[in-house]
C-alpha atoms as a PDB file:
ATOM      1  CA  MET A   1      -6.396 -23.135  -0.799  1.00  0.00           C
ATOM      2  CA  CYS A   2      -9.503 -20.992  -0.405  1.00  0.00           C
ATOM      3  CA  ARG A   3     -11.753 -23.889  -1.487  1.00  0.00           C
ATOM      4  CA  LYS A   4     -10.108 -26.188   1.021  1.00  0.00           C
ATOM      5  CA  GLN A   5     -10.768 -23.697   3.706  1.00  0.00           C
ATOM      6  CA  TYR A   6     -14.260 -22.351   2.772  1.00  0.00           C
ATOM      7  CA  GLY A   7     -15.725 -25.192   0.770  1.00  0.00           C
ATOM      8  CA  THR A   8     -15.587 -25.940  -2.913  1.00  0.00           C
ATOM      9  CA  GLU A   9     -18.969 -24.381  -3.833  1.00  0.00           C
ATOM     10  CA  ASN A  10     -18.252 -21.179  -1.830  1.00  0.00           C
ATOM     11  CA  VAL A  11     -15.401 -19.914  -3.908  1.00  0.00           C
ATOM     12  CA  ILE A  12     -16.189 -18.991  -7.599  1.00  0.00           C
ATOM     13  CA  LEU A  13     -13.510 -18.498 -10.022  1.00  0.00           C
ATOM     14  CA  SER A  14     -14.000 -16.350 -13.110  1.00  0.00           C
ATOM     15  CA  ASP A  15     -12.282 -15.260 -16.350  1.00  0.00           C
ATOM     16  CA  ILE A  16     -13.183 -13.981 -19.941  1.00  0.00           C
ATOM     17  CA  LYS A  17     -11.424 -17.029 -21.443  1.00  0.00           C
ATOM     18  CA  LYS A  18     -12.441 -20.726 -21.376  1.00  0.00           C
ATOM     19  CA  ALA A  19     -10.747 -22.404 -18.525  1.00  0.00           C
ATOM     20  CA  PRO A  20      -8.869 -25.668 -18.717  1.00  0.00           C
ATOM     21  CA  PRO A  21     -10.582 -28.832 -17.690  1.00  0.00           C
ATOM     22  CA  GLU A  22      -8.929 -29.032 -14.321  1.00  0.00           C
ATOM     23  CA  VAL A  23     -10.383 -25.638 -13.316  1.00  0.00           C
ATOM     24  CA  TYR A  24     -13.944 -26.675 -14.170  1.00  0.00           C
ATOM     25  CA  ARG A  25     -13.329 -29.921 -12.183  1.00  0.00           C
ATOM     26  CA  SER A  26     -12.107 -28.019  -9.207  1.00  0.00           C
ATOM     27  CA  GLY A  27     -15.366 -26.103  -8.534  1.00  0.00           C
ATOM     28  CA  PRO A  28     -17.611 -23.228  -9.741  1.00  0.00           C
ATOM     29  CA  PHE A  29     -16.359 -21.127 -12.729  1.00  0.00           C
ATOM     30  CA  VAL A  30     -18.251 -18.284 -14.361  1.00  0.00           C
ATOM     31  CA  TYR A  31     -17.607 -15.790 -17.260  1.00  0.00           C
ATOM     32  CA  ALA A  32     -16.972 -12.342 -15.689  1.00  0.00           C
ATOM     33  CA  ASP A  33     -15.848  -9.243 -17.624  1.00  0.00           C
ATOM     34  CA  VAL A  34     -14.726  -6.455 -15.348  1.00  0.00           C
ATOM     35  CA  LEU A  35     -15.682  -3.870 -18.061  1.00  0.00           C
ATOM     36  CA  ASP A  36     -19.353  -5.142 -17.900  1.00  0.00           C
ATOM     37  CA  TYR A  37     -20.809  -3.739 -14.694  1.00  0.00           C
ATOM     38  CA  LYS A  38     -24.261  -5.284 -15.282  1.00  0.00           C
ATOM     39  CA  ASN A  39     -22.621  -8.777 -15.567  1.00  0.00           C
ATOM     40  CA  LEU A  40     -20.669  -8.234 -12.445  1.00  0.00           C
ATOM     41  CA  ARG A  41     -23.673  -7.051 -10.485  1.00  0.00           C
ATOM     42  CA  GLU A  42     -25.650 -10.157 -11.602  1.00  0.00           C
ATOM     43  CA  LEU A  43     -23.018 -12.498 -10.387  1.00  0.00           C
ATOM     44  CA  VAL A  44     -22.651 -10.827  -7.090  1.00  0.00           C
ATOM     45  CA  VAL A  45     -26.560 -10.812  -6.526  1.00  0.00           C
ATOM     46  CA  ASN A  46     -27.142 -14.261  -7.883  1.00  0.00           C
ATOM     47  CA  ASN A  47     -24.422 -15.923  -5.973  1.00  0.00           C
ATOM     48  CA  ARG A  48     -24.781 -13.831  -2.671  1.00  0.00           C
ATOM     49  CA  ILE A  49     -21.139 -12.810  -2.877  1.00  0.00           C
ATOM     50  CA  THR A  50     -19.482 -11.220   0.355  1.00  0.00           C
ATOM     51  CA  TRP A  51     -15.868 -11.149  -0.651  1.00  0.00           C
ATOM     52  CA  LEU A  52     -14.492  -9.989  -4.020  1.00  0.00           C
ATOM     53  CA  VAL A  53     -10.887 -10.583  -5.043  1.00  0.00           C
ATOM     54  CA  HIS A  54      -9.987  -8.548  -8.091  1.00  0.00           C
ATOM     55  CA  TYR A  55      -6.926  -9.678 -10.012  1.00  0.00           C
ATOM     56  CA  SER A  56      -7.830  -8.568 -13.476  1.00  0.00           C
ATOM     57  CA  ALA A  57      -5.005  -6.460 -14.950  1.00  0.00           C
ATOM     58  CA  LEU A  58      -2.460  -6.071 -17.749  1.00  0.00           C
ATOM     59  CA  LEU A  59       0.963  -6.569 -16.352  1.00  0.00           C
ATOM     60  CA  SER A  60       3.968  -4.312 -16.698  1.00  0.00           C
ATOM     61  CA  VAL A  61       5.458  -5.389 -20.190  1.00  0.00           C
ATOM     62  CA  VAL A  62       2.111  -6.135 -21.917  1.00  0.00           C
ATOM     63  CA  GLY A  63       0.586  -2.905 -20.523  1.00  0.00           C
ATOM     64  CA  GLU A  64       3.507  -0.804 -22.074  1.00  0.00           C
ATOM     65  CA  ALA A  65       2.724  -2.440 -25.340  1.00  0.00           C
ATOM     66  CA  ASN A  66      -0.993  -1.534 -25.283  1.00  0.00           C
ATOM     67  CA  VAL A  67      -1.423   1.471 -23.038  1.00  0.00           C
ATOM     68  CA  ALA A  68      -5.091   2.051 -24.168  1.00  0.00           C
ATOM     69  CA  LEU A  69      -6.185  -1.418 -23.304  1.00  0.00           C
ATOM     70  CA  ALA A  70      -4.310  -1.342 -19.850  1.00  0.00           C
ATOM     71  CA  ARG A  71      -6.000   1.852 -18.949  1.00  0.00           C
ATOM     72  CA  LYS A  72      -9.341   0.468 -19.728  1.00  0.00           C
ATOM     73  CA  ILE A  73      -8.864  -2.900 -17.968  1.00  0.00           C
ATOM     74  CA  ASN A  74      -6.638  -1.633 -14.978  1.00  0.00           C
ATOM     75  CA  ILE A  75      -8.470   1.578 -14.279  1.00  0.00           C
ATOM     76  CA  THR A  76     -12.053   1.513 -15.672  1.00  0.00           C
ATOM     77  CA  GLY A  77     -12.418  -2.224 -14.623  1.00  0.00           C
ATOM     78  CA  LEU A  78     -11.167  -1.260 -11.125  1.00  0.00           C
ATOM     79  CA  HIS A  79     -13.758   1.645 -10.931  1.00  0.00           C
ATOM     80  CA  ASN A  80     -16.662  -0.914 -11.732  1.00  0.00           C
ATOM     81  CA  VAL A  81     -15.383  -3.139  -8.973  1.00  0.00           C
ATOM     82  CA  LEU A  82     -15.113  -0.321  -6.398  1.00  0.00           C
ATOM     83  CA  ASP A  83     -18.627   0.835  -7.283  1.00  0.00           C
ATOM     84  CA  LEU A  84     -20.007  -2.691  -6.985  1.00  0.00           C
ATOM     85  CA  ALA A  85     -18.186  -3.287  -3.624  1.00  0.00           C
ATOM     86  CA  LEU A  86     -19.727  -0.076  -2.257  1.00  0.00           C
ATOM     87  CA  GLU A  87     -23.153  -0.831  -3.568  1.00  0.00           C
ATOM     88  CA  SER A  88     -23.197  -4.384  -2.231  1.00  0.00           C
ATOM     89  CA  CYS A  89     -21.178  -3.798   1.080  1.00  0.00           C
ATOM     90  CA  LEU A  90     -18.337  -6.363  -0.171  1.00  0.00           C
ATOM     91  CA  ARG A  91     -15.080  -6.802   1.471  1.00  0.00           C
ATOM     92  CA  LEU A  92     -12.674  -5.984  -1.456  1.00  0.00           C
ATOM     93  CA  PHE A  93      -9.189  -7.130  -2.085  1.00  0.00           C
ATOM     94  CA  VAL A  94      -7.121  -5.627  -4.867  1.00  0.00           C
ATOM     95  CA  PRO A  95      -3.473  -6.658  -5.204  1.00  0.00           C
ATOM     96  CA  SER A  96      -0.781  -3.982  -5.836  1.00  0.00           C
ATOM     97  CA  THR A  97       2.806  -4.744  -6.839  1.00  0.00           C
ATOM     98  CA  ILE A  98       6.451  -3.757  -6.760  1.00  0.00           C
ATOM     99  CA  GLY A  99       5.521  -1.990  -9.983  1.00  0.00           C
ATOM    100  CA  ALA A 100       3.757   0.752  -7.883  1.00  0.00           C
ATOM    101  CA  PHE A 101       7.156   2.078  -7.105  1.00  0.00           C
ATOM    102  CA  GLY A 102       9.260   4.176  -9.366  1.00  0.00           C
ATOM    103  CA  PRO A 103      12.861   5.407  -9.917  1.00  0.00           C
ATOM    104  CA  SER A 104      12.539   8.242  -7.012  1.00  0.00           C
ATOM    105  CA  SER A 105      11.281   5.707  -4.489  1.00  0.00           C
ATOM    106  CA  PRO A 106      13.542   4.207  -1.754  1.00  0.00           C
ATOM    107  CA  ARG A 107      14.865   0.888  -3.237  1.00  0.00           C
ATOM    108  CA  ASP A 108      16.455  -0.985  -0.377  1.00  0.00           C
ATOM    109  CA  PRO A 109      14.251  -1.389   1.249  1.00  0.00           C
ATOM    110  CA  ALA A 110      10.979   0.199  -0.070  1.00  0.00           C
ATOM    111  CA  PRO A 111       8.644   1.184   2.886  1.00  0.00           C
ATOM    112  CA  ASP A 112       4.935   1.005   2.891  1.00  0.00           C
ATOM    113  CA  LEU A 113       4.681   4.858   2.758  1.00  0.00           C
ATOM    114  CA  CYS A 114       6.936   6.799   0.541  1.00  0.00           C
ATOM    115  CA  VAL A 115       7.299   8.631  -2.900  1.00  0.00           C
ATOM    116  CA  GLN A 116       6.000   6.168  -5.545  1.00  0.00           C
ATOM    117  CA  ARG A 117       5.685   7.748  -9.034  1.00  0.00           C
ATOM    118  CA  PRO A 118       6.066   4.634 -11.287  1.00  0.00           C
ATOM    119  CA  HIS A 119       6.963   5.005 -14.901  1.00  0.00           C
ATOM    120  CA  THR A 120       4.676   2.271 -16.367  1.00  0.00           C
ATOM    121  CA  ILE A 121       0.851   2.311 -16.903  1.00  0.00           C
ATOM    122  CA  TYR A 122       0.590  -0.882 -14.864  1.00  0.00           C
ATOM    123  CA  GLY A 123       2.298   0.954 -11.882  1.00  0.00           C
ATOM    124  CA  VAL A 124       0.220   4.141 -12.352  1.00  0.00           C
ATOM    125  CA  SER A 125      -2.953   2.127 -12.404  1.00  0.00           C
ATOM    126  CA  LYS A 126      -1.893   0.194  -9.094  1.00  0.00           C
ATOM    127  CA  VAL A 127      -1.050   3.524  -7.254  1.00  0.00           C
ATOM    128  CA  HIS A 128      -4.541   4.728  -8.437  1.00  0.00           C
ATOM    129  CA  ALA A 129      -6.031   1.539  -7.015  1.00  0.00           C
ATOM    130  CA  GLU A 130      -4.307   1.964  -3.734  1.00  0.00           C
ATOM    131  CA  LEU A 131      -5.376   5.679  -3.355  1.00  0.00           C
ATOM    132  CA  MET A 132      -8.915   5.248  -4.557  1.00  0.00           C
ATOM    133  CA  GLY A 133      -9.491   2.257  -2.119  1.00  0.00           C
ATOM    134  CA  GLU A 134      -8.069   4.155   0.799  1.00  0.00           C
ATOM    135  CA  TYR A 135     -10.175   7.238  -0.172  1.00  0.00           C
ATOM    136  CA  LEU A 136     -13.375   5.169  -0.276  1.00  0.00           C
ATOM    137  CA  HIS A 137     -12.502   3.386   2.896  1.00  0.00           C
ATOM    138  CA  HIS A 138     -12.165   6.901   4.792  1.00  0.00           C
ATOM    139  CA  LYS A 139     -15.155   8.475   3.092  1.00  0.00           C
ATOM    140  CA  TYR A 140     -17.615   5.696   2.914  1.00  0.00           C
ATOM    141  CA  GLY A 141     -16.350   2.910   5.034  1.00  0.00           C
ATOM    142  CA  LEU A 142     -15.478   0.469   2.173  1.00  0.00           C
ATOM    143  CA  ASP A 143     -13.511  -2.474   3.650  1.00  0.00           C
ATOM    144  CA  PHE A 144     -10.803  -2.262   0.998  1.00  0.00           C
ATOM    145  CA  ARG A 145      -7.605  -4.199   1.496  1.00  0.00           C
ATOM    146  CA  CYS A 146      -4.529  -4.288  -0.708  1.00  0.00           C
ATOM    147  CA  LEU A 147      -1.139  -6.051  -0.586  1.00  0.00           C
ATOM    148  CA  ARG A 148       1.876  -5.064  -2.717  1.00  0.00           C
ATOM    149  CA  TYR A 149       2.980  -8.414  -4.108  1.00  0.00           C
ATOM    150  CA  PRO A 150       6.629  -9.056  -5.078  1.00  0.00           C
ATOM    151  CA  GLY A 151       7.245 -11.074  -8.195  1.00  0.00           C
ATOM    152  CA  ILE A 152       5.144 -14.240  -7.686  1.00  0.00           C
ATOM    153  CA  ILE A 153       6.516 -17.671  -8.634  1.00  0.00           C
ATOM    154  CA  SER A 154       4.207 -20.468  -9.517  1.00  0.00           C
ATOM    155  CA  ALA A 155       4.497 -23.852 -11.243  1.00  0.00           C
ATOM    156  CA  ASN A 156       0.816 -23.769 -12.066  1.00  0.00           C
ATOM    157  CA  THR A 157       0.673 -20.747 -14.425  1.00  0.00           C
ATOM    158  CA  GLN A 158       2.605 -19.658 -17.366  1.00  0.00           C
ATOM    159  CA  PRO A 159       4.471 -16.396 -17.497  1.00  0.00           C
ATOM    160  CA  GLY A 160       1.998 -13.680 -18.224  1.00  0.00           C
ATOM    161  CA  GLY A 161       3.751 -10.572 -19.467  1.00  0.00           C
ATOM    162  CA  GLY A 162       5.393  -9.249 -16.352  1.00  0.00           C
ATOM    163  CA  THR A 163       9.036  -8.224 -15.745  1.00  0.00           C
ATOM    164  CA  THR A 164       9.748 -10.942 -13.266  1.00  0.00           C
ATOM    165  CA  ASP A 165       8.531 -13.701 -15.556  1.00  0.00           C
ATOM    166  CA  TYR A 166      12.097 -14.977 -16.111  1.00  0.00           C
ATOM    167  CA  ALA A 167      11.996 -16.353 -12.488  1.00  0.00           C
ATOM    168  CA  VAL A 168       9.206 -18.758 -13.634  1.00  0.00           C
ATOM    169  CA  GLN A 169      10.515 -19.416 -17.164  1.00  0.00           C
ATOM    170  CA  ILE A 170      13.928 -20.436 -15.959  1.00  0.00           C
ATOM    171  CA  PHE A 171      12.523 -23.466 -14.143  1.00  0.00           C
ATOM    172  CA  HIS A 172      10.680 -24.721 -17.273  1.00  0.00           C
ATOM    173  CA  ASP A 173      13.648 -24.137 -19.401  1.00  0.00           C
ATOM    174  CA  ALA A 174      15.917 -25.925 -16.892  1.00  0.00           C
ATOM    175  CA  LEU A 175      13.819 -29.011 -17.037  1.00  0.00           C
ATOM    176  CA  SER A 176      13.201 -29.004 -20.781  1.00  0.00           C
ATOM    177  CA  THR A 177      16.083 -27.658 -22.868  1.00  0.00           C
ATOM    178  CA  GLY A 178      18.659 -27.054 -20.102  1.00  0.00           C
ATOM    179  CA  HIS A 179      19.158 -23.552 -21.478  1.00  0.00           C
ATOM    180  CA  HIS A 180      17.641 -20.266 -20.436  1.00  0.00           C
ATOM    181  CA  GLU A 181      18.187 -16.931 -22.100  1.00  0.00           C
ATOM    182  CA  CYS A 182      17.506 -14.205 -19.550  1.00  0.00           C
ATOM    183  CA  TYR A 183      16.168 -10.711 -20.546  1.00  0.00           C
ATOM    184  CA  LEU A 184      17.575  -9.127 -17.401  1.00  0.00           C
ATOM    185  CA  ARG A 185      21.162  -8.576 -16.341  1.00  0.00           C
ATOM    186  CA  ALA A 186      22.620 -11.249 -14.106  1.00  0.00           C
ATOM    187  CA  ASP A 187      22.873  -8.915 -11.114  1.00  0.00           C
ATOM    188  CA  THR A 188      19.287  -7.627 -11.324  1.00  0.00           C
ATOM    189  CA  ARG A 189      17.897  -7.949  -7.785  1.00  0.00           C
ATOM    190  CA  LEU A 190      14.142  -7.959  -7.334  1.00  0.00           C
ATOM    191  CA  PRO A 191      11.795  -9.048  -4.473  1.00  0.00           C
ATOM    192  CA  MET A 192      10.083 -12.636  -5.121  1.00  0.00           C
ATOM    193  CA  MET A 193       7.666 -14.774  -3.430  1.00  0.00           C
ATOM    194  CA  HIS A 194       6.380 -18.403  -3.806  1.00  0.00           C
ATOM    195  CA  ILE A 195       2.752 -18.692  -4.801  1.00  0.00           C
ATOM    196  CA  GLY A 196       2.038 -20.599  -1.496  1.00  0.00           C
ATOM    197  CA  ASP A 197       3.140 -17.657   0.619  1.00  0.00           C
ATOM    198  CA  CYS A 198       1.211 -15.252  -1.637  1.00  0.00           C
ATOM    199  CA  HIS A 199      -2.057 -17.284  -1.185  1.00  0.00           C
ATOM    200  CA  ARG A 200      -1.529 -17.560   2.523  1.00  0.00           C
ATOM    201  CA  ALA A 201      -0.779 -13.931   2.971  1.00  0.00           C
ATOM    202  CA  THR A 202      -3.875 -12.939   1.066  1.00  0.00           C
ATOM    203  CA  VAL A 203      -6.228 -15.151   3.089  1.00  0.00           C
ATOM    204  CA  GLU A 204      -4.668 -14.185   6.519  1.00  0.00           C
ATOM    205  CA  PHE A 205      -4.833 -10.491   5.577  1.00  0.00           C
ATOM    206  CA  MET A 206      -8.578 -10.765   4.513  1.00  0.00           C
ATOM    207  CA  HIS A 207      -9.221 -12.534   7.838  1.00  0.00           C
ATOM    208  CA  ALA A 208      -7.378  -9.953   9.955  1.00  0.00           C
ATOM    209  CA  PRO A 209      -9.816  -7.937  12.141  1.00  0.00           C
ATOM    210  CA  GLU A 210     -10.140  -4.403  10.910  1.00  0.00           C
ATOM    211  CA  CYS A 211      -9.101  -2.952  14.305  1.00  0.00           C
ATOM    212  CA  GLN A 212      -5.652  -4.328  13.784  1.00  0.00           C
ATOM    213  CA  LEU A 213      -4.975  -2.668  10.449  1.00  0.00           C
ATOM    214  CA  SER A 214      -3.120   0.626  10.550  1.00  0.00           C
ATOM    215  CA  LEU A 215      -2.969   0.710   6.779  1.00  0.00           C
ATOM    216  CA  ARG A 216      -5.092  -0.271   3.874  1.00  0.00           C
ATOM    217  CA  THR A 217      -2.165  -1.194   1.713  1.00  0.00           C
ATOM    218  CA  TYR A 218       0.848  -3.294   2.932  1.00  0.00           C
ATOM    219  CA  ASN A 219       4.127  -4.586   1.536  1.00  0.00           C
ATOM    220  CA  ILE A 220       4.696  -8.231   1.865  1.00  0.00           C
ATOM    221  CA  ALA A 221       8.102  -9.808   1.483  1.00  0.00           C
ATOM    222  CA  ALA A 222       9.749 -13.168   1.295  1.00  0.00           C
ATOM    223  CA  MET A 223      13.128 -13.089  -0.477  1.00  0.00           C
ATOM    224  CA  SER A 224      15.083 -11.006  -3.039  1.00  0.00           C
ATOM    225  CA  PHE A 225      17.269 -12.622  -5.619  1.00  0.00           C
ATOM    226  CA  THR A 226      19.151 -12.060  -8.857  1.00  0.00           C
ATOM    227  CA  PRO A 227      19.054 -14.278 -12.031  1.00  0.00           C
ATOM    228  CA  GLU A 228      22.457 -15.380 -11.185  1.00  0.00           C
ATOM    229  CA  GLU A 229      21.617 -16.413  -7.644  1.00  0.00           C
ATOM    230  CA  VAL A 230      18.571 -18.385  -8.734  1.00  0.00           C
ATOM    231  CA  SER A 231      20.556 -20.018 -11.449  1.00  0.00           C
ATOM    232  CA  THR A 232      23.138 -21.139  -9.033  1.00  0.00           C
ATOM    233  CA  GLU A 233      20.582 -22.610  -6.697  1.00  0.00           C
ATOM    234  CA  ILE A 234      18.915 -24.559  -9.598  1.00  0.00           C
ATOM    235  CA  ARG A 235      22.326 -25.990 -10.579  1.00  0.00           C
ATOM    236  CA  LYS A 236      22.428 -27.737  -7.168  1.00  0.00           C
ATOM    237  CA  HIS A 237      19.688 -29.850  -8.674  1.00  0.00           C
ATOM    238  CA  LEU A 238      20.480 -29.666 -12.334  1.00  0.00           C
ATOM    239  CA  PRO A 239      24.247 -28.978 -12.920  1.00  0.00           C
ATOM    240  CA  HIS A 240      23.824 -28.919 -16.684  1.00  0.00           C
ATOM    241  CA  LEU A 241      21.789 -25.611 -16.645  1.00  0.00           C
ATOM    242  CA  LYS A 242      23.274 -23.053 -18.903  1.00  0.00           C
ATOM    243  CA  VAL A 243      22.109 -19.404 -18.647  1.00  0.00           C
ATOM    244  CA  THR A 244      22.981 -16.609 -21.166  1.00  0.00           C
ATOM    245  CA  TYR A 245      22.051 -12.931 -20.684  1.00  0.00           C
ATOM    246  CA  ASN A 246      20.505 -10.772 -23.294  1.00  0.00           C
ATOM    247  CA  PRO A 247      18.986  -7.855 -21.624  1.00  0.00           C
ATOM    248  CA  ASP A 248      15.870  -6.381 -23.044  1.00  0.00           C
ATOM    249  CA  SER A 249      15.891  -2.584 -22.800  1.00  0.00           C
ATOM    250  CA  VAL A 250      12.160  -2.270 -21.849  1.00  0.00           C
ATOM    251  CA  ARG A 251      12.304  -4.893 -19.183  1.00  0.00           C
ATOM    252  CA  GLN A 252      15.618  -3.888 -17.820  1.00  0.00           C
ATOM    253  CA  THR A 253      14.591  -0.264 -17.486  1.00  0.00           C
ATOM    254  CA  ILE A 254      11.437  -1.298 -15.659  1.00  0.00           C
ATOM    255  CA  ALA A 255      13.268  -3.523 -13.352  1.00  0.00           C
ATOM    256  CA  ASP A 256      15.895  -0.889 -12.560  1.00  0.00           C
ATOM    257  CA  SER A 257      13.111   1.421 -11.399  1.00  0.00           C
ATOM    258  CA  TRP A 258      11.754  -1.125  -8.881  1.00  0.00           C
ATOM    259  CA  PRO A 259      12.755  -1.860  -5.320  1.00  0.00           C
ATOM    260  CA  VAL A 260      15.327  -4.500  -4.624  1.00  0.00           C
ATOM    261  CA  ARG A 261      13.714  -5.378  -1.208  1.00  0.00           C
ATOM    262  CA  PHE A 262      10.404  -4.625   0.542  1.00  0.00           C
ATOM    263  CA  ASP A 263      10.144  -3.457   4.091  1.00  0.00           C
ATOM    264  CA  ASP A 264       7.123  -5.466   5.387  1.00  0.00           C
ATOM    265  CA  SER A 265       7.537  -4.678   9.081  1.00  0.00           C
ATOM    266  CA  ASN A 266       4.116  -3.112   9.421  1.00  0.00           C
ATOM    267  CA  ALA A 267       2.390  -6.353   8.025  1.00  0.00           C
ATOM    268  CA  GLN A 268       4.454  -8.433  10.557  1.00  0.00           C
ATOM    269  CA  ARG A 269       3.406  -6.193  13.376  1.00  0.00           C
ATOM    270  CA  ASP A 270      -0.289  -5.590  12.557  1.00  0.00           C
ATOM    271  CA  TRP A 271      -1.472  -8.945  11.359  1.00  0.00           C
ATOM    272  CA  GLY A 272       1.379 -11.454  11.921  1.00  0.00           C
ATOM    273  CA  TRP A 273       2.694 -11.912   8.409  1.00  0.00           C
ATOM    274  CA  LYS A 274       5.770 -14.190   8.158  1.00  0.00           C
ATOM    275  CA  SER A 275       6.887 -15.933   4.965  1.00  0.00           C
ATOM    276  CA  THR A 276       7.859 -19.640   4.911  1.00  0.00           C
ATOM    277  CA  TYR A 277       9.612 -20.192   1.566  1.00  0.00           C
ATOM    278  CA  GLY A 278      13.207 -18.959   1.143  1.00  0.00           C
ATOM    279  CA  LEU A 279      15.219 -19.418  -2.102  1.00  0.00           C
ATOM    280  CA  GLU A 280      16.327 -23.009  -1.381  1.00  0.00           C
ATOM    281  CA  GLU A 281      12.733 -24.232  -0.627  1.00  0.00           C
ATOM    282  CA  LEU A 282      11.325 -22.295  -3.642  1.00  0.00           C
ATOM    283  CA  VAL A 283      13.809 -23.832  -6.098  1.00  0.00           C
ATOM    284  CA  SER A 284      13.202 -27.254  -4.759  1.00  0.00           C
ATOM    285  CA  ASP A 285       9.496 -27.041  -4.775  1.00  0.00           C
ATOM    286  CA  MET A 286       9.292 -25.441  -8.345  1.00  0.00           C
ATOM    287  CA  LEU A 287      11.643 -28.103  -9.848  1.00  0.00           C
ATOM    288  CA  SER A 288       9.660 -31.086  -8.310  1.00  0.00           C
ATOM    289  CA  THR A 289       6.220 -29.676  -9.096  1.00  0.00           C
ATOM    290  CA  ILE A 290       7.019 -28.896 -12.776  1.00  0.00           C
ATOM    291  CA  HIS A 291       8.737 -32.376 -13.127  1.00  0.00           C
ATOM    292  CA  ASP A 292       5.642 -34.113 -11.642  1.00  0.00           C
ATOM    293  CA  LYS A 293       3.405 -32.179 -13.946  1.00  0.00           C
ATOM    294  CA  LYS A 294       5.448 -33.096 -17.058  1.00  0.00           C
ATOM    295  CA  THR A 295       5.568 -36.751 -16.009  1.00  0.00           C
ATOM    296  CA  ASN A 296       1.820 -36.911 -15.499  1.00  0.00           C
ATOM    297  CA  ARG A 297       1.212 -35.217 -18.862  1.00  0.00           C
ATOM    298  CA  TYR A 298       3.396 -37.812 -20.523  1.00  0.00           C
ATOM    299  CA  ARG A 299       1.632 -40.741 -18.765  1.00  0.00           C
ATOM    300  CA  LYS A 300      -1.784 -39.446 -19.825  1.00  0.00           C
ATOM    301  CA  THR A 301      -0.649 -38.968 -23.363  1.00  0.00           C
ATOM    302  CA  TYR A 302       0.989 -42.487 -23.455  1.00  0.00           C
ATOM    303  CA  GLN A 303      -2.103 -44.233 -21.944  1.00  0.00           C
ATOM    304  CA  ALA A 304      -4.463 -42.323 -24.435  1.00  0.00           C
END
């Protein structure tokens, strides 16, 4: 989306792992380690970077399994990025998450400003990011912007160790085996969003004039559903889908501490946010996109 809007050569993707061929074909890709400040500074200077979008983090479940590494990547890495943005006068976007809330937070809905106190290192690091960014904005004028994402659902990436991963995996399972074992209870309601809405919200927010922003961190919302509700919607397309429930204590405890809905009225008022995908549109798009990807892979394998 960004490359279509700003030009292929003007958006640089980065990671510490080798990217798949389609990523290399899509435009510039570089190695970047958030723990290596010198490496990051060279990239910013050599490429005349003006916006920095910082997604590097260990997610909720993976972070709980390796707290020391999560602290290093999610907090030390963040500080490198904050320092670099200040030094180079960059506009900085850092995503936050439903995981930034905790059991004592209002759950239905969770407002932008309330008690947070999360119970995971992922959530703690995201609250830290929100507060550090706001502090540096007020003290030094850093153009820091942050959106609290719901669970993001995409056909283009595999589940990556988050509590909402079931909502991606269930589509792959529905089209491959016809059976999904869910690690959450059937009635576990969580906020979710299609990746298309997520990308659009981020770009629109980055473009919003600073004078319109009453906050540095906003909730954004699209829909909230349970495993049972998304299963029912998938069965409208694939009636054979079977779902069994085997709640995992770690993931279920995390999910039960998170909001079931976001209040995004401030984002709607300040910079015009409005989602476009509901549950019906999300399910239809995910199934068709994953099906097309599988078909194209099969054709390439057959032709080879």
